[in-house]
Amino acid sequence: MALSERIERNVDLSYFEGKIPVNYVYTYGLGLENFFRSIKEKGEFLASKCPECETTYFPCKVFCERCFAEITNNYKVPGTGIVESFTVCHLNMDGSKKETPAVVGLIRIDGAEDCVFVHFLDISPEKAKIGMKVKPLLKRKQDRDGSIFDIVGFKPM
């Protein structure tokens, strides 16, 4: 017998308390897997360019989000860029106060100028400036695990 109920009025809705165990494996997908594997193994950043409309993407993609063309080639970019904008975070995700404010920037990566990359800036809030050149700061190779956290942040050049 299936679990069902006929709802006549929205105030008569019922619910069930408890936990539903959900087991899953999250995958990055083909584009991001290539991106994070390249950082983990070589310390190199990959971008891609649409063969149809020539839009560039960072991180690399396997299809163009503008014209839906397939993207089969990635290319190496230096990871350097320019800060387009930034914000200073004073609170943690749970709303508690941070010990030290974090600076999060929008970085236009050299060689992939059609998009911006959001990440931490390794700088005090007072020294952060729009237009400043930055370079990536990576974890040591032996400490990398193939995730976004392999990029510690971006520091001024």
C-alpha atoms as a PDB file:
ATOM      1  CA  MET A   1       0.000   0.000   0.000  1.00  0.00           C
ATOM      2  CA  ALA A   2       1.485   3.350  -1.026  1.00  0.00           C
ATOM      3  CA  LEU A   3       1.804   6.186   1.419  1.00  0.00           C
ATOM      4  CA  SER A   4      -0.507   8.917   0.235  1.00  0.00           C
ATOM      5  CA  GLU A   5      -2.951  11.410   1.576  1.00  0.00           C
ATOM      6  CA  ARG A   6      -5.614  13.465  -0.066  1.00  0.00           C
ATOM      7  CA  ILE A   7      -5.219  17.144   0.801  1.00  0.00           C
ATOM      8  CA  GLU A   8      -8.408  19.175   0.801  1.00  0.00           C
ATOM      9  CA  ARG A   9      -7.039  22.312   2.521  1.00  0.00           C
ATOM     10  CA  ASN A  10      -3.427  23.484   2.804  1.00  0.00           C
ATOM     11  CA  VAL A  11      -3.774  23.846   6.582  1.00  0.00           C
ATOM     12  CA  ASP A  12      -4.401  20.104   6.844  1.00  0.00           C
ATOM     13  CA  LEU A  13      -0.936  19.126   5.632  1.00  0.00           C
ATOM     14  CA  SER A  14       0.918  16.534   7.696  1.00  0.00           C
ATOM     15  CA  TYR A  15       4.594  15.864   8.099  1.00  0.00           C
ATOM     16  CA  PHE A  16       6.857  13.188   9.440  1.00  0.00           C
ATOM     17  CA  GLU A  17       9.701  13.832  11.857  1.00  0.00           C
ATOM     18  CA  GLY A  18      12.925  11.887  11.642  1.00  0.00           C
ATOM     19  CA  LYS A  19      16.024  11.478   9.573  1.00  0.00           C
ATOM     20  CA  ILE A  20      16.292  10.104   6.095  1.00  0.00           C
ATOM     21  CA  PRO A  21      19.769   8.717   5.440  1.00  0.00           C
ATOM     22  CA  VAL A  22      21.072   9.954   2.107  1.00  0.00           C
ATOM     23  CA  ASN A  23      24.320   8.608   0.743  1.00  0.00           C
ATOM     24  CA  TYR A  24      25.770  10.241  -2.342  1.00  0.00           C
ATOM     25  CA  VAL A  25      28.979  10.944  -4.156  1.00  0.00           C
ATOM     26  CA  TYR A  26      29.476  14.472  -5.464  1.00  0.00           C
ATOM     27  CA  THR A  27      31.439  14.746  -8.685  1.00  0.00           C
ATOM     28  CA  TYR A  28      32.848  17.883 -10.239  1.00  0.00           C
ATOM     29  CA  GLY A  29      31.901  16.947 -13.781  1.00  0.00           C
ATOM     30  CA  LEU A  30      34.333  16.738 -16.692  1.00  0.00           C
ATOM     31  CA  GLY A  31      35.350  20.402 -16.884  1.00  0.00           C
ATOM     32  CA  LEU A  32      36.001  20.972 -13.208  1.00  0.00           C
ATOM     33  CA  GLU A  33      37.651  17.585 -12.803  1.00  0.00           C
ATOM     34  CA  ASN A  34      40.265  18.617 -15.386  1.00  0.00           C
ATOM     35  CA  PHE A  35      40.656  21.993 -13.671  1.00  0.00           C
ATOM     36  CA  PHE A  36      41.201  20.637 -10.159  1.00  0.00           C
ATOM     37  CA  ARG A  37      43.354  17.713 -11.310  1.00  0.00           C
ATOM     38  CA  SER A  38      45.656  20.158 -13.107  1.00  0.00           C
ATOM     39  CA  ILE A  39      46.008  22.277  -9.970  1.00  0.00           C
ATOM     40  CA  LYS A  40      46.594  19.241  -7.764  1.00  0.00           C
ATOM     41  CA  GLU A  41      49.137  17.499  -9.975  1.00  0.00           C
ATOM     42  CA  LYS A  42      50.890  20.366 -11.767  1.00  0.00           C
ATOM     43  CA  GLY A  43      49.946  23.579  -9.980  1.00  0.00           C
ATOM     44  CA  GLU A  44      48.601  24.865 -13.310  1.00  0.00           C
ATOM     45  CA  PHE A  45      45.331  26.633 -14.094  1.00  0.00           C
ATOM     46  CA  LEU A  46      43.172  25.658 -17.075  1.00  0.00           C
ATOM     47  CA  ALA A  47      40.753  27.811 -19.017  1.00  0.00           C
ATOM     48  CA  SER A  48      38.764  27.041 -22.156  1.00  0.00           C
ATOM     49  CA  LYS A  49      37.545  28.941 -25.200  1.00  0.00           C
ATOM     50  CA  CYS A  50      34.412  28.268 -27.192  1.00  0.00           C
ATOM     51  CA  PRO A  51      35.275  27.369 -30.806  1.00  0.00           C
ATOM     52  CA  GLU A  52      32.028  28.963 -32.032  1.00  0.00           C
ATOM     53  CA  CYS A  53      31.562  32.290 -30.202  1.00  0.00           C
ATOM     54  CA  GLU A  54      35.106  32.537 -28.737  1.00  0.00           C
ATOM     55  CA  THR A  55      33.915  33.147 -25.170  1.00  0.00           C
ATOM     56  CA  THR A  56      36.581  32.240 -22.623  1.00  0.00           C
ATOM     57  CA  TYR A  57      35.869  30.367 -19.389  1.00  0.00           C
ATOM     58  CA  PHE A  58      37.782  30.048 -16.147  1.00  0.00           C
ATOM     59  CA  PRO A  59      37.603  27.435 -14.732  1.00  0.00           C
ATOM     60  CA  CYS A  60      37.460  25.428 -17.932  1.00  0.00           C
ATOM     61  CA  LYS A  61      34.148  24.092 -19.251  1.00  0.00           C
ATOM     62  CA  VAL A  62      33.108  21.302 -21.621  1.00  0.00           C
ATOM     63  CA  PHE A  63      30.307  23.300 -23.266  1.00  0.00           C
ATOM     64  CA  CYS A  64      29.656  26.967 -23.898  1.00  0.00           C
ATOM     65  CA  GLU A  65      27.022  28.481 -21.634  1.00  0.00           C
ATOM     66  CA  ARG A  66      26.207  31.135 -24.253  1.00  0.00           C
ATOM     67  CA  CYS A  67      25.853  29.157 -27.492  1.00  0.00           C
ATOM     68  CA  PHE A  68      25.942  25.542 -26.162  1.00  0.00           C
ATOM     69  CA  ALA A  69      28.805  24.503 -28.431  1.00  0.00           C
ATOM     70  CA  GLU A  70      31.035  21.668 -27.267  1.00  0.00           C
ATOM     71  CA  ILE A  71      34.440  22.750 -25.932  1.00  0.00           C
ATOM     72  CA  THR A  72      37.086  20.075 -26.339  1.00  0.00           C
ATOM     73  CA  ASN A  73      40.332  21.955 -25.722  1.00  0.00           C
ATOM     74  CA  ASN A  74      41.636  23.543 -22.555  1.00  0.00           C
ATOM     75  CA  TYR A  75      44.624  25.826 -22.337  1.00  0.00           C
ATOM     76  CA  LYS A  76      46.936  26.881 -19.564  1.00  0.00           C
ATOM     77  CA  VAL A  77      46.635  30.369 -18.056  1.00  0.00           C
ATOM     78  CA  PRO A  78      49.046  31.884 -15.540  1.00  0.00           C
ATOM     79  CA  GLY A  79      46.424  32.330 -12.822  1.00  0.00           C
ATOM     80  CA  THR A  80      47.363  35.962 -12.415  1.00  0.00           C
ATOM     81  CA  GLY A  81      44.681  38.588 -12.733  1.00  0.00           C
ATOM     82  CA  ILE A  82      43.214  41.909 -11.731  1.00  0.00           C
ATOM     83  CA  VAL A  83      40.825  42.513  -8.841  1.00  0.00           C
ATOM     84  CA  GLU A  84      37.575  43.842 -10.318  1.00  0.00           C
ATOM     85  CA  SER A  85      35.788  44.170  -6.984  1.00  0.00           C
ATOM     86  CA  PHE A  86      35.999  42.848  -3.439  1.00  0.00           C
ATOM     87  CA  THR A  87      34.123  42.657  -0.175  1.00  0.00           C
ATOM     88  CA  VAL A  88      35.209  42.279   3.425  1.00  0.00           C
ATOM     89  CA  CYS A  89      33.495  39.531   5.437  1.00  0.00           C
ATOM     90  CA  HIS A  90      33.205  40.146   9.166  1.00  0.00           C
ATOM     91  CA  LEU A  91      30.924  37.201   9.973  1.00  0.00           C
ATOM     92  CA  ASN A  92      31.260  33.421   9.672  1.00  0.00           C
ATOM     93  CA  MET A  93      28.645  31.359   7.840  1.00  0.00           C
ATOM     94  CA  ASP A  94      26.824  30.741  11.137  1.00  0.00           C
ATOM     95  CA  GLY A  95      26.596  34.482  11.848  1.00  0.00           C
ATOM     96  CA  SER A  96      29.293  34.534  14.520  1.00  0.00           C
ATOM     97  CA  LYS A  97      31.977  37.210  14.363  1.00  0.00           C
ATOM     98  CA  LYS A  98      35.225  36.298  12.550  1.00  0.00           C
ATOM     99  CA  GLU A  99      38.457  36.679  14.512  1.00  0.00           C
ATOM    100  CA  THR A 100      40.048  38.269  11.458  1.00  0.00           C
ATOM    101  CA  PRO A 101      37.992  39.747   8.593  1.00  0.00           C
ATOM    102  CA  ALA A 102      38.295  37.885   5.290  1.00  0.00           C
ATOM    103  CA  VAL A 103      38.606  39.637   1.944  1.00  0.00           C
ATOM    104  CA  VAL A 104      36.833  37.986  -0.998  1.00  0.00           C
ATOM    105  CA  GLY A 105      37.550  39.289  -4.479  1.00  0.00           C
ATOM    106  CA  LEU A 106      36.275  39.084  -8.037  1.00  0.00           C
ATOM    107  CA  ILE A 107      39.381  38.386 -10.102  1.00  0.00           C
ATOM    108  CA  ARG A 108      39.550  38.741 -13.879  1.00  0.00           C
ATOM    109  CA  ILE A 109      42.065  36.047 -14.790  1.00  0.00           C
ATOM    110  CA  ASP A 110      44.678  36.863 -17.444  1.00  0.00           C
ATOM    111  CA  GLY A 111      43.924  34.844 -20.582  1.00  0.00           C
ATOM    112  CA  ALA A 112      40.262  34.308 -19.685  1.00  0.00           C
ATOM    113  CA  GLU A 113      38.936  37.846 -19.622  1.00  0.00           C
ATOM    114  CA  ASP A 114      35.274  37.012 -20.319  1.00  0.00           C
ATOM    115  CA  CYS A 115      34.637  35.938 -16.735  1.00  0.00           C
ATOM    116  CA  VAL A 116      35.634  36.624 -13.154  1.00  0.00           C
ATOM    117  CA  PHE A 117      36.729  34.156 -10.487  1.00  0.00           C
ATOM    118  CA  VAL A 118      35.589  34.512  -6.883  1.00  0.00           C
ATOM    119  CA  HIS A 119      38.137  33.671  -4.199  1.00  0.00           C
ATOM    120  CA  PHE A 120      39.863  34.927  -1.074  1.00  0.00           C
ATOM    121  CA  LEU A 121      42.438  37.682  -1.285  1.00  0.00           C
ATOM    122  CA  ASP A 122      45.443  37.131   0.972  1.00  0.00           C
ATOM    123  CA  ILE A 123      45.611  40.748   2.095  1.00  0.00           C
ATOM    124  CA  SER A 124      44.333  42.942   4.917  1.00  0.00           C
ATOM    125  CA  PRO A 125      41.102  44.807   4.171  1.00  0.00           C
ATOM    126  CA  GLU A 126      42.883  48.172   4.360  1.00  0.00           C
ATOM    127  CA  LYS A 127      45.318  47.213   1.581  1.00  0.00           C
ATOM    128  CA  ALA A 128      42.766  45.707  -0.827  1.00  0.00           C
ATOM    129  CA  LYS A 129      42.245  47.805  -3.955  1.00  0.00           C
ATOM    130  CA  ILE A 130      40.238  47.481  -7.135  1.00  0.00           C
ATOM    131  CA  GLY A 131      42.596  47.182 -10.104  1.00  0.00           C
ATOM    132  CA  MET A 132      45.484  45.582  -8.209  1.00  0.00           C
ATOM    133  CA  LYS A 133      47.349  42.714  -9.870  1.00  0.00           C
ATOM    134  CA  VAL A 134      47.255  39.420  -7.982  1.00  0.00           C
ATOM    135  CA  LYS A 135      48.759  35.969  -8.301  1.00  0.00           C
ATOM    136  CA  PRO A 136      47.546  32.641  -6.900  1.00  0.00           C
ATOM    137  CA  LEU A 137      48.773  31.195  -3.645  1.00  0.00           C
ATOM    138  CA  LEU A 138      48.555  27.382  -3.669  1.00  0.00           C
ATOM    139  CA  LYS A 139      48.965  24.786  -0.960  1.00  0.00           C
ATOM    140  CA  ARG A 140      52.171  22.772  -1.069  1.00  0.00           C
ATOM    141  CA  LYS A 141      51.905  19.977  -3.655  1.00  0.00           C
ATOM    142  CA  GLN A 142      51.885  17.198  -1.049  1.00  0.00           C
ATOM    143  CA  ASP A 143      49.003  18.915   0.778  1.00  0.00           C
ATOM    144  CA  ARG A 144      46.713  19.340  -2.248  1.00  0.00           C
ATOM    145  CA  ASP A 145      43.602  17.177  -2.461  1.00  0.00           C
ATOM    146  CA  GLY A 146      42.062  18.290  -5.760  1.00  0.00           C
ATOM    147  CA  SER A 147      39.550  20.828  -4.461  1.00  0.00           C
ATOM    148  CA  ILE A 148      38.968  24.581  -4.469  1.00  0.00           C
ATOM    149  CA  PHE A 149      40.813  24.689  -1.144  1.00  0.00           C
ATOM    150  CA  ASP A 150      44.076  23.879  -2.958  1.00  0.00           C
ATOM    151  CA  ILE A 151      43.951  27.577  -3.851  1.00  0.00           C
ATOM    152  CA  VAL A 152      44.641  29.318  -0.537  1.00  0.00           C
ATOM    153  CA  GLY A 153      43.890  32.690  -2.110  1.00  0.00           C
ATOM    154  CA  PHE A 154      45.357  35.394  -4.311  1.00  0.00           C
ATOM    155  CA  LYS A 155      48.064  37.762  -3.130  1.00  0.00           C
ATOM    156  CA  PRO A 156      49.266  41.065  -4.543  1.00  0.00           C
ATOM    157  CA  MET A 157      52.054  40.951  -7.123  1.00  0.00           C
END
